[in-house]
Protein backbone atom coordinates (compact mmCIF):
# COMPACT_ATOMS: atom_id res chain seq x y z
CA MET A 1 -4.49 -6.10 -4.07
CA LEU A 2 -1.31 -6.77 -6.01
CA LYS A 3 1.40 -8.85 -4.31
CA ALA A 4 4.95 -9.80 -5.19
CA THR A 5 6.18 -13.38 -5.13
CA VAL A 6 7.91 -14.76 -2.06
CA LEU A 7 11.63 -14.13 -1.67
CA GLN A 8 13.58 -17.37 -2.00
CA LYS A 9 17.20 -18.31 -1.44
CA GLY A 10 19.18 -17.51 -4.56
CA ASP A 11 16.95 -14.54 -5.44
CA THR A 12 18.47 -11.12 -6.07
CA VAL A 13 17.89 -8.11 -3.82
CA GLY A 14 18.34 -4.76 -5.57
CA ILE A 15 19.69 -1.80 -3.58
CA VAL A 16 18.50 1.74 -4.33
CA SER A 17 19.15 5.13 -2.71
CA PRO A 18 15.95 7.14 -3.27
CA SER A 19 17.15 10.09 -1.18
CA TRP A 20 20.40 10.41 0.80
CA GLY A 21 23.68 8.98 -0.50
CA GLY A 22 24.53 6.93 2.57
CA VAL A 23 26.10 4.07 0.59
CA GLY A 24 28.80 6.37 -0.75
CA ALA A 25 29.25 8.15 2.57
CA PHE A 26 29.63 5.00 4.65
CA PRO A 27 30.71 2.11 2.42
CA HIS A 28 31.58 -0.08 5.41
CA ARG A 29 27.91 -0.06 6.45
CA ALA A 30 26.87 -1.05 2.92
CA GLU A 31 29.40 -3.89 2.93
CA MET A 32 28.07 -5.16 6.27
CA GLY A 33 24.49 -5.05 5.04
CA ILE A 34 25.32 -6.81 1.78
CA LYS A 35 27.26 -9.53 3.60
CA HIS A 36 24.29 -10.22 5.84
CA LEU A 37 21.88 -10.45 2.90
CA GLU A 38 24.30 -12.87 1.24
CA SER A 39 24.52 -14.92 4.46
CA LEU A 40 20.74 -15.35 4.25
CA GLY A 41 21.18 -16.87 0.80
CA TYR A 42 20.41 -13.88 -1.44
CA ARG A 43 22.35 -12.27 -4.23
CA VAL A 44 22.73 -8.49 -4.14
CA LYS A 45 22.72 -5.96 -6.96
CA VAL A 46 23.52 -2.32 -6.19
CA GLY A 47 21.75 0.25 -8.36
CA GLU A 48 23.86 2.15 -10.90
CA HIS A 49 23.57 5.43 -8.98
CA ALA A 50 22.92 4.09 -5.46
CA ALA A 51 26.51 4.63 -4.24
CA ASN A 52 26.76 8.19 -5.56
CA GLN A 53 26.81 11.36 -3.47
CA ASP A 54 25.51 14.76 -4.49
CA GLY A 55 25.36 16.93 -1.41
CA TYR A 56 22.43 15.83 0.72
CA LEU A 57 21.26 13.54 -2.10
CA SER A 58 22.61 10.40 -3.71
CA ASP A 59 22.09 11.68 -7.27
CA THR A 60 19.66 13.59 -9.47
CA ALA A 61 15.99 12.80 -9.12
CA GLU A 62 16.02 11.37 -12.64
CA ASN A 63 18.85 8.96 -11.85
CA ARG A 64 17.34 7.91 -8.54
CA ALA A 65 14.03 7.18 -10.26
CA GLN A 66 15.83 5.34 -13.05
CA ASP A 67 17.49 3.01 -10.54
CA ILE A 68 14.04 2.10 -9.18
CA HIS A 69 12.70 1.53 -12.70
CA ASP A 70 15.73 -0.60 -13.59
CA MET A 71 15.17 -2.81 -10.55
CA PHE A 72 11.48 -3.29 -11.29
CA GLN A 73 12.28 -4.19 -14.91
CA ASP A 74 15.12 -6.59 -14.06
CA PRO A 75 13.63 -10.13 -14.09
CA ASP A 76 16.36 -11.38 -11.74
CA VAL A 77 15.55 -8.84 -9.00
CA LYS A 78 12.81 -10.07 -6.66
CA MET A 79 13.14 -7.50 -3.87
CA ILE A 80 14.06 -3.81 -3.91
CA LEU A 81 15.58 -2.52 -0.67
CA ALA A 82 16.26 1.11 0.18
CA ALA A 83 19.78 1.72 1.46
CA ILE A 84 18.73 4.46 3.87
CA GLY A 85 16.22 7.27 4.25
CA GLY A 86 16.76 11.01 3.95
CA ASP A 87 14.19 13.69 3.25
CA HIS A 88 13.78 13.88 -0.52
CA SER A 89 12.13 10.73 -1.85
CA CYS A 90 9.31 13.13 -2.70
CA HIS A 91 11.45 14.33 -5.65
CA LEU A 92 10.72 11.02 -7.36
CA LEU A 93 6.93 11.01 -7.25
CA PRO A 94 6.30 12.84 -10.56
CA LEU A 95 8.99 10.73 -12.26
CA LEU A 96 7.90 7.23 -11.28
CA ASP A 97 6.27 5.01 -13.91
CA PHE A 98 3.50 3.42 -11.87
CA ASP A 99 2.30 1.34 -14.82
CA LEU A 100 5.76 -0.22 -15.08
CA ILE A 101 5.71 -0.96 -11.34
CA ARG A 102 2.23 -2.46 -11.56
CA GLN A 103 3.27 -4.73 -14.41
CA ASN A 104 6.39 -5.96 -12.56
CA PRO A 105 5.37 -6.47 -8.92
CA LYS A 106 8.37 -6.80 -6.58
CA ILE A 107 8.91 -6.64 -2.84
CA PHE A 108 9.67 -2.95 -2.14
CA MET A 109 10.97 -2.15 1.33
CA GLY A 110 12.26 0.78 3.34
CA PHE A 111 11.28 3.03 6.22
CA SER A 112 11.73 6.61 7.43
CA ASP A 113 11.73 8.85 4.31
CA ASN A 114 10.93 5.82 2.15
CA THR A 115 7.45 6.04 3.67
CA VAL A 116 6.76 8.46 0.81
CA LEU A 117 7.44 5.78 -1.80
CA ASN A 118 5.86 2.93 0.17
CA VAL A 119 2.55 4.75 0.43
CA ALA A 120 2.60 6.29 -3.07
CA ILE A 121 3.37 2.99 -4.80
CA TRP A 122 0.71 1.15 -2.82
CA GLN A 123 -1.85 3.90 -3.41
CA GLN A 124 -1.16 4.17 -7.15
CA THR A 125 -0.71 0.49 -8.04
CA GLY A 126 -2.26 -1.62 -5.27
CA LEU A 127 1.12 -3.31 -4.74
CA THR A 128 1.80 -4.31 -1.14
CA THR A 129 4.93 -2.47 -0.03
CA PHE A 130 6.83 -2.99 3.21
CA SER A 131 7.61 -0.53 5.97
CA GLY A 132 10.51 -2.17 7.67
CA LEU A 133 14.21 -2.35 7.20
CA ALA A 134 17.04 -0.57 5.41
CA LEU A 135 20.42 -1.83 4.22
CA LEU A 136 22.62 0.56 6.24
CA THR A 137 20.69 0.23 9.49
CA ASP A 138 19.07 -3.13 10.24
CA PHE A 139 21.03 -5.37 7.85
CA ALA A 140 24.33 -3.72 8.84
CA GLU A 141 23.86 -4.16 12.59
CA TYR A 142 27.10 -5.16 14.37
CA PRO A 143 28.05 -7.92 14.82
CA ARG A 144 24.91 -9.19 12.99
CA MET A 145 21.26 -8.37 12.43
CA PHE A 146 19.07 -8.63 15.52
CA ASP A 147 17.23 -11.96 15.62
CA TYR A 148 13.87 -10.29 16.32
CA THR A 149 14.21 -8.05 13.26
CA GLU A 150 15.34 -10.93 11.05
CA GLN A 151 12.57 -13.24 12.23
CA TYR A 152 9.74 -10.85 11.33
CA PHE A 153 11.42 -9.79 8.07
CA LEU A 154 11.59 -13.42 6.92
CA LYS A 155 8.01 -14.10 8.05
CA ALA A 156 6.77 -11.17 5.99
CA VAL A 157 8.56 -11.81 2.69
CA THR A 158 9.53 -15.49 2.46
CA LYS A 159 6.20 -17.22 3.16
CA ALA A 160 2.89 -16.86 1.34
CA GLU A 161 1.01 -16.88 4.63
CA PRO A 162 0.05 -14.28 7.22
CA VAL A 163 2.74 -13.09 9.63
CA GLY A 164 0.25 -13.77 12.41
CA ARG A 165 0.62 -12.62 15.99
CA ILE A 166 3.48 -10.22 16.70
CA GLU A 167 5.03 -10.26 20.15
CA PRO A 168 6.90 -7.40 21.83
CA SER A 169 10.67 -7.62 21.96
CA PRO A 170 12.01 -8.13 25.51
CA TRP A 171 14.63 -5.42 24.91
CA TRP A 172 15.37 -2.44 22.65
CA THR A 173 18.06 0.10 21.83
CA GLU A 174 18.39 3.62 20.50
CA GLU A 175 22.14 3.94 21.08
CA PHE A 176 24.03 5.41 18.15
CA LEU A 177 27.69 4.52 17.66
CA SER A 178 29.50 6.81 15.23
CA TRP A 179 29.62 5.63 11.63
CA GLU A 180 32.25 8.26 10.82
CA THR A 181 34.81 6.99 13.35
CA LYS A 182 33.65 3.40 12.85
CA ALA A 183 32.84 3.06 16.52
CA ASP A 184 29.87 1.07 15.22
CA GLN A 185 32.33 -1.73 14.34
CA GLU A 186 33.94 -1.91 17.79
CA ARG A 187 31.12 -3.33 19.92
CA PRO A 188 27.39 -4.15 19.85
CA ARG A 189 24.99 -1.44 20.90
CA GLN A 190 23.78 -1.40 24.49
CA LEU A 191 20.36 -2.96 25.04
CA THR A 192 17.64 -1.79 27.43
CA ASP A 193 15.04 -4.06 29.00
CA SER A 194 11.58 -3.37 27.61
CA THR A 195 8.51 -2.80 29.72
CA GLY A 196 6.39 -3.95 26.77
CA TRP A 197 3.89 -2.11 24.61
CA ASN A 198 1.36 0.32 26.05
CA TRP A 199 -2.27 -0.56 25.34
CA LEU A 200 -3.46 3.04 25.41
CA ARG A 201 -7.10 2.57 24.49
CA PRO A 202 -9.01 -0.70 24.81
CA GLY A 203 -11.07 -2.15 22.04
CA PHE A 204 -11.15 -4.24 18.89
CA GLY A 205 -10.27 -3.08 15.41
CA GLU A 206 -9.30 -4.58 12.09
CA GLY A 207 -8.42 -3.18 8.70
CA PRO A 208 -5.60 -2.59 6.22
CA LEU A 209 -2.29 -1.30 7.54
CA ILE A 210 -1.34 2.17 6.24
CA GLY A 211 1.32 4.53 7.54
CA GLY A 212 5.00 5.06 8.24
CA CYS A 213 7.19 7.87 9.50
CA LEU A 214 4.95 10.73 10.65
CA GLU A 215 7.19 13.49 9.29
CA SER A 216 7.50 11.78 5.91
CA LEU A 217 3.76 11.33 5.57
CA GLN A 218 3.55 15.13 5.57
CA HIS A 219 5.05 15.13 2.04
CA LEU A 220 1.94 13.34 0.73
CA ARG A 221 -0.79 15.56 2.11
CA GLY A 222 -2.71 17.31 -0.63
CA THR A 223 -1.19 15.15 -3.37
CA PRO A 224 -2.71 12.38 -5.51
CA TYR A 225 -0.65 9.94 -3.43
CA TRP A 226 -2.47 10.58 -0.15
CA PRO A 227 -4.24 7.31 0.71
CA ASP A 228 -7.85 6.52 1.49
CA TRP A 229 -7.95 5.93 5.24
CA GLU A 230 -11.42 4.38 5.41
CA GLY A 231 -11.31 1.50 7.90
CA ALA A 232 -7.50 1.55 8.08
CA ILE A 233 -5.19 0.83 10.98
CA LEU A 234 -2.85 3.84 10.97
CA PHE A 235 0.73 3.16 12.05
CA ILE A 236 3.06 6.08 12.80
CA GLU A 237 6.52 6.59 14.21
CA THR A 238 8.92 9.54 14.59
CA SER A 239 12.45 9.94 13.26
CA GLU A 240 15.81 10.74 14.83
CA GLU A 241 15.06 14.42 14.18
CA LYS A 242 12.83 14.03 17.23
CA PRO A 243 9.74 16.14 16.57
CA SER A 244 8.53 17.34 19.96
CA PRO A 245 5.32 16.00 21.51
CA GLU A 246 3.85 19.46 20.81
CA THR A 247 4.68 19.06 17.10
CA VAL A 248 3.05 15.64 16.99
CA ASP A 249 0.01 17.19 18.68
CA GLY A 250 -0.30 19.68 15.82
CA ILE A 251 0.00 17.00 13.15
CA LEU A 252 -2.63 14.81 14.80
CA MET A 253 -4.92 17.84 15.04
CA ASP A 254 -4.42 18.27 11.30
CA TYR A 255 -5.42 14.64 10.84
CA GLU A 256 -8.58 15.27 12.83
CA ASN A 257 -9.39 18.35 10.72
CA MET A 258 -8.79 16.29 7.57
CA ASP A 259 -11.17 13.58 8.86
CA VAL A 260 -8.42 10.98 8.88
CA LEU A 261 -8.94 10.00 12.52
CA GLY A 262 -12.68 9.62 12.03
CA ARG A 263 -12.13 6.93 9.42
CA LEU A 264 -9.69 4.72 11.32
CA SER A 265 -10.30 1.34 12.90
CA GLY A 266 -7.08 1.36 14.94
CA MET A 267 -3.78 3.10 15.59
CA LEU A 268 -0.25 1.78 16.18
CA VAL A 269 2.53 4.05 17.44
CA GLY A 270 6.19 3.08 17.23
CA ARG A 271 8.56 3.68 20.13
CA PRO A 272 9.76 7.30 19.76
CA ILE A 273 13.53 7.59 19.48
CA LEU A 274 15.54 9.91 21.78
CA TYR A 275 12.50 10.84 23.90
CA SER A 276 12.87 11.10 27.67
CA GLU A 277 10.44 9.10 29.80
CA GLN A 278 8.62 12.36 30.55
CA GLU A 279 8.31 13.13 26.83
CA LYS A 280 7.06 9.63 26.11
CA GLN A 281 4.33 10.01 28.71
CA GLN A 282 3.44 13.44 27.33
CA LEU A 283 3.16 11.92 23.85
CA ARG A 284 0.83 9.18 25.11
CA GLU A 285 -1.40 11.79 26.76
CA ILE A 286 -1.48 13.86 23.56
CA ILE A 287 -2.46 10.84 21.47
CA LEU A 288 -5.32 10.05 23.83
CA ALA A 289 -6.46 13.68 23.89
CA ARG A 290 -6.44 14.05 20.12
CA THR A 291 -8.43 10.84 19.64
CA GLU A 292 -10.78 11.09 22.64
CA LYS A 293 -13.92 11.38 20.50
CA TYR A 294 -13.15 8.11 18.71
CA TYR A 295 -13.39 4.52 19.88
CA PHE A 296 -10.66 2.68 17.98
CA PRO A 297 -7.97 0.81 19.95
CA ILE A 298 -4.48 2.28 20.25
CA ILE A 299 -1.16 0.61 21.04
CA SER A 300 1.97 2.72 21.62
CA ASP A 301 5.70 2.16 22.18
CA MET A 302 5.73 -0.68 19.66
CA ASP A 303 8.80 -2.25 18.05
CA PHE A 304 8.88 -0.49 14.69
CA GLY A 305 10.46 2.69 13.43
CA HIS A 306 13.80 4.26 14.31
CA THR A 307 14.62 2.24 17.42
CA ALA A 308 15.75 -1.37 17.18
CA PRO A 309 14.79 -4.15 16.83
CA GLN A 310 11.73 -3.79 14.63
CA PHE A 311 9.09 -5.89 12.92
CA THR A 312 8.05 -5.44 9.29
CA LEU A 313 4.66 -3.95 8.40
CA PRO A 314 3.12 -4.74 4.97
CA LEU A 315 1.03 -1.84 3.65
CA GLY A 316 -2.49 -2.75 2.63
CA CYS A 317 -2.58 -6.10 4.42
CA ARG A 318 -5.31 -6.71 6.94
CA ALA A 319 -4.39 -6.66 10.60
CA ARG A 320 -6.27 -6.98 13.87
CA ILE A 321 -6.03 -5.39 17.31
CA ASP A 322 -7.78 -6.95 20.30
CA THR A 323 -6.71 -5.36 23.57
CA ARG A 324 -8.65 -7.88 25.64
CA GLN A 325 -6.20 -10.52 24.49
CA ALA A 326 -3.22 -8.13 24.30
CA LEU A 327 -3.23 -9.09 20.62
CA PHE A 328 -1.82 -7.51 17.48
CA GLU A 329 -1.65 -9.75 14.46
CA ILE A 330 -1.35 -9.52 10.68
CA ASP A 331 -4.08 -11.72 9.19
CA GLU A 332 -3.24 -11.51 5.48
CA ALA A 333 -0.26 -12.84 3.55
CA ALA A 334 1.91 -10.04 2.17
CA VAL A 335 3.39 -12.07 -0.71
CA ARG A 336 2.12 -14.81 -3.01
CA GLY A 337 3.58 -18.20 -3.74
CA ALA A 338 6.38 -18.43 -6.30
CA ASP A 339 4.28 -20.78 -8.44
CA ALA A 340 1.20 -18.55 -8.44
CA VAL A 341 0.25 -17.32 -11.90
CA VAL A 342 -1.06 -13.77 -12.19
CA VAL A 343 -4.21 -12.99 -14.16
CA SER A 344 -4.12 -9.90 -16.35
CA LEU A 345 -6.60 -7.50 -14.79
CA ALA A 346 -6.58 -5.55 -18.05
CA ALA A 347 -7.75 -8.63 -19.95
CA VAL A 348 -10.66 -9.15 -17.58
CA VAL A 349 -11.64 -5.47 -17.75
CA ASP A 350 -11.48 -5.66 -21.55
CA ALA A 351 -13.87 -8.59 -21.41
CA LEU A 352 -16.24 -6.67 -19.17
CA GLU A 353 -16.10 -3.65 -21.46
CA THR A 354 -16.94 -5.85 -24.42
CA VAL A 355 -19.96 -7.26 -22.61
CA ALA A 356 -21.08 -3.76 -21.60
CA ASP A 357 -20.77 -2.47 -25.16
CA GLU A 358 -22.75 -5.35 -26.63
CA TYR A 359 -25.56 -5.56 -24.11
CA PRO A 360 -28.54 -5.97 -24.42
CA ALA A 361 -27.84 -7.74 -27.73
CA PHE A 362 -25.28 -9.81 -25.84
CA LEU A 363 -25.81 -13.15 -27.54
CA ASN A 364 -24.78 -12.03 -31.00
CA LYS A 365 -21.91 -12.52 -33.39
CA ARG A 366 -19.37 -11.07 -30.90
CA THR A 367 -20.16 -13.56 -28.16
CA GLY A 368 -17.31 -15.72 -29.38
CA GLU A 369 -14.92 -12.79 -29.02
CA VAL A 370 -16.01 -12.19 -25.43
CA ILE A 371 -15.54 -15.86 -24.58
CA SER A 372 -12.12 -15.79 -26.21
CA ILE A 373 -10.96 -12.85 -24.09
CA LEU A 374 -12.24 -14.46 -20.91
CA GLY A 375 -10.62 -17.72 -21.90
CA GLU A 376 -7.24 -16.05 -22.22
CA ALA A 377 -7.56 -14.56 -18.75
CA MET A 378 -8.47 -17.91 -17.25
CA GLU A 379 -5.65 -19.71 -19.07
CA MET A 380 -3.22 -17.25 -17.56
CA ALA A 381 -4.46 -18.32 -14.16
CA GLU A 382 -4.19 -21.98 -15.11
CA GLU A 383 -7.63 -22.47 -13.65
CA GLU A 384 -10.54 -24.39 -15.17
CA ARG A 385 -13.41 -22.16 -14.18
CA PRO A 386 -16.73 -21.77 -16.02
CA LEU A 387 -16.64 -18.65 -18.17
CA ASP A 388 -20.31 -18.08 -17.41
CA ASP A 389 -19.36 -16.81 -13.95
CA LEU A 390 -17.99 -13.51 -15.14
CA GLN A 391 -20.44 -13.14 -18.01
CA ASP A 392 -23.37 -13.66 -15.65
CA TRP A 393 -21.97 -11.14 -13.18
CA MET A 394 -21.75 -8.47 -15.85
CA ARG A 395 -25.08 -9.37 -17.38
CA GLU A 396 -26.81 -9.20 -14.00
CA MET A 397 -25.29 -5.78 -13.31
CA VAL A 398 -26.49 -4.34 -16.61
CA GLU A 399 -29.93 -5.93 -16.29
CA THR A 400 -30.30 -4.35 -12.85
CA ALA A 401 -29.31 -1.00 -14.29
CA ILE A 402 -31.86 -1.22 -17.09
CA ASP A 403 -34.62 -2.31 -14.71
CA ILE A 404 -33.91 0.64 -12.44
CA MET A 405 -33.81 3.02 -15.38
CA LYS A 406 -37.10 1.74 -16.78
CA SER A 407 -38.87 1.95 -13.42
CA GLY A 408 -37.61 5.45 -12.82
CA ASP A 409 -36.44 4.46 -9.32
CA TYR A 410 -33.14 6.20 -9.85
CA LEU A 411 -32.69 6.72 -6.12
CA GLU A 412 -31.97 2.98 -5.79
CA LEU A 413 -28.76 3.36 -7.77
CA PRO A 414 -26.43 3.97 -4.78
CA THR A 415 -27.28 0.69 -3.02
CA GLN A 416 -27.40 -1.35 -6.22
CA PHE A 417 -23.96 -0.30 -7.37
CA GLU A 418 -21.94 0.02 -4.19
CA ILE A 419 -19.02 -2.18 -5.22
CA HIS A 420 -15.69 -1.49 -3.50
CA GLU A 421 -17.14 1.97 -2.71
CA TYR A 422 -17.59 2.71 -6.40
CA ASN A 423 -20.95 4.30 -5.72
CA ILE A 424 -22.51 5.45 -8.98
CA MET A 425 -24.21 8.50 -7.49
CA ARG A 426 -21.08 9.56 -5.61
CA HIS A 427 -18.99 9.38 -8.75
CA PHE A 428 -21.63 11.24 -10.74
CA SER A 429 -21.65 14.05 -8.21
CA GLU A 430 -17.84 14.28 -8.18
CA ASP A 431 -17.03 13.79 -11.85
CA PHE A 432 -19.88 15.36 -13.83
CA PRO A 433 -21.66 18.74 -13.86
CA ASP A 434 -24.90 19.08 -11.91
CA GLU A 435 -26.91 20.21 -14.92
CA TRP A 436 -26.56 16.92 -16.75
CA ILE A 437 -26.88 14.75 -13.65
CA SER A 438 -30.41 15.98 -13.06
CA ASP A 439 -31.21 15.79 -16.77
CA THR A 440 -29.93 12.23 -17.00
CA LEU A 441 -31.25 10.76 -13.78
CA MET A 442 -34.45 12.75 -13.36
CA SER A 443 -35.81 12.59 -16.88
CA SER A 444 -33.71 11.01 -19.62
CA ILE A 445 -33.27 7.69 -17.87
CA ARG A 446 -37.03 7.09 -17.52
CA GLY A 447 -39.05 5.14 -20.05
CA SER A 448 -38.58 2.26 -22.45
CA GLY A 449 -35.80 3.98 -24.41
CA ALA A 450 -33.84 4.77 -21.25
CA PHE A 451 -30.59 3.08 -22.17
CA ARG A 452 -30.42 4.78 -25.58
CA ARG A 453 -31.33 8.18 -24.13
CA PHE A 454 -28.73 7.74 -21.43
CA LYS A 455 -26.06 7.41 -24.13
CA ASP A 456 -27.60 10.32 -26.03
CA THR A 457 -27.27 12.51 -22.96
CA ILE A 458 -23.59 11.66 -22.65
CA HIS A 459 -23.05 12.71 -26.27
CA ARG A 460 -25.16 15.85 -25.90
CA TYR A 461 -22.99 17.10 -23.05
CA ASN A 462 -19.83 16.01 -24.90
CA ILE A 463 -18.50 14.01 -21.97
CA GLN A 464 -17.86 10.70 -23.71
CA ASP A 465 -14.25 10.56 -22.48
CA GLU A 466 -15.26 11.26 -18.85
CA TRP A 467 -18.01 8.64 -19.00
CA TYR A 468 -15.80 5.92 -20.43
CA ALA A 469 -13.05 6.73 -17.91
CA PHE A 470 -15.58 6.39 -15.12
CA ARG A 471 -17.02 3.20 -16.55
CA THR A 472 -13.57 1.64 -16.88
CA LYS A 473 -12.87 2.56 -13.25
CA ALA A 474 -16.11 0.93 -12.12
CA LEU A 475 -15.56 -2.17 -14.26
CA GLU A 476 -12.06 -2.53 -12.83
CA ALA A 477 -13.55 -2.56 -9.33
CA ILE A 478 -15.98 -5.28 -10.39
CA ALA A 479 -13.16 -7.30 -11.95
CA VAL A 480 -11.01 -6.98 -8.82
CA GLU A 481 -13.84 -8.18 -6.60
CA TRP A 482 -14.53 -11.13 -8.87
CA LEU A 483 -10.86 -12.14 -9.02
CA GLU A 484 -10.45 -11.87 -5.26
CA ASP A 485 -13.64 -13.85 -4.63
CA ASN A 486 -12.17 -16.58 -6.83
CA GLU A 487 -8.80 -16.32 -5.01
CA LEU A 488 -6.93 -15.33 -8.17
CA SER A 489 -3.88 -13.06 -8.13
CA TYR A 490 -3.85 -10.30 -10.71
CA SER A 491 -1.68 -7.54 -12.09
């Protein structure tokens, strides 16, 4: 997983408006938010088009995407913060340069409609994004940001260590004081004593955090940006548009039909805004009904989403629920240390590809080139690690493949190659036509010339590009596992 560096005093926070033009509509809120960021010791840079207004948008999709690209490319910007939500961050998905984002990892934060970007960026690049705060809401709170919100924000982004156990806030608010009349500048919002979180279903679960605003997640269904939910802890919350409990019921039924619920290890539900107590209870009953066939733990009425205060949730980081201990904690650091050096994943994959191309005549004239590539990757990490580690890993993988091919025990392939779920047979069945799968695995792979005939089959079916794309994908998974096992950051 790709992580940004910690946010330090003196760093620059870049402001973008991926959807609605709230900065231009309510400049006093932007000023309040910027002042609070500055009081925490950060510099602030507002995107070129972030203060614009174009109807229900801040600007054209191209300009909104350009602001995000500019912030990722700016070496001074360490965190990118959404000004506010809206309903049209989805406009930006086909315009975003995910390679650029991957090569310049930054803290990227927002909630509500920014769920679309949080999930898409994480899914496409592996970069941990943050479902949490926005400039015009949390940072612009009058007379200052709530301590609870600030505490968990700083824990998430300023320390290269897990956030740890998260406690419920003793109070909350959903009061809205008019931004138009500036009633929001006349007094603090009224606070309500909290009865705590509701531990809806007992149990234990752990996995990566994935989720956000329930309505905004709808924009991602059926797209390449929809995440893999296997083993995840799903977190959801509803917006100020207040979808009814009946509407949430329908969405959760969709999730069951899509086999999302069957893959989860836990569920977190944010406190719904503007719901009556009766509606809240109805929502709890619906959640239990929709998930009754599953055994994962569920916590509801938590402090994240559109009520305040809220804690920050890092997408992709491992978390744990244990209802016996009334425990929810984030077990994985969301950012890396400022002095951590990032290994080039591409360089390691290149090295693996070189080894794969040269095997079985591995120890030949190109061995020096392989060692050189691996050496560059290790130098980038400023680590003195034996180069044999990675070479041996790759060599062992290929030797296993050849042994299996020669023995004809092709059915062993799934267990031998299940690395980060990159199951060879599964990818064959998804990516290649049935007629050559059977030809390759049932006949061509057998015998002493198996490896050569395997390549011949690829050429005969004219699928060289598909094969190399698949192989690169598999080698990248191997490289990621190796880097993570050696506790190396990568990009």
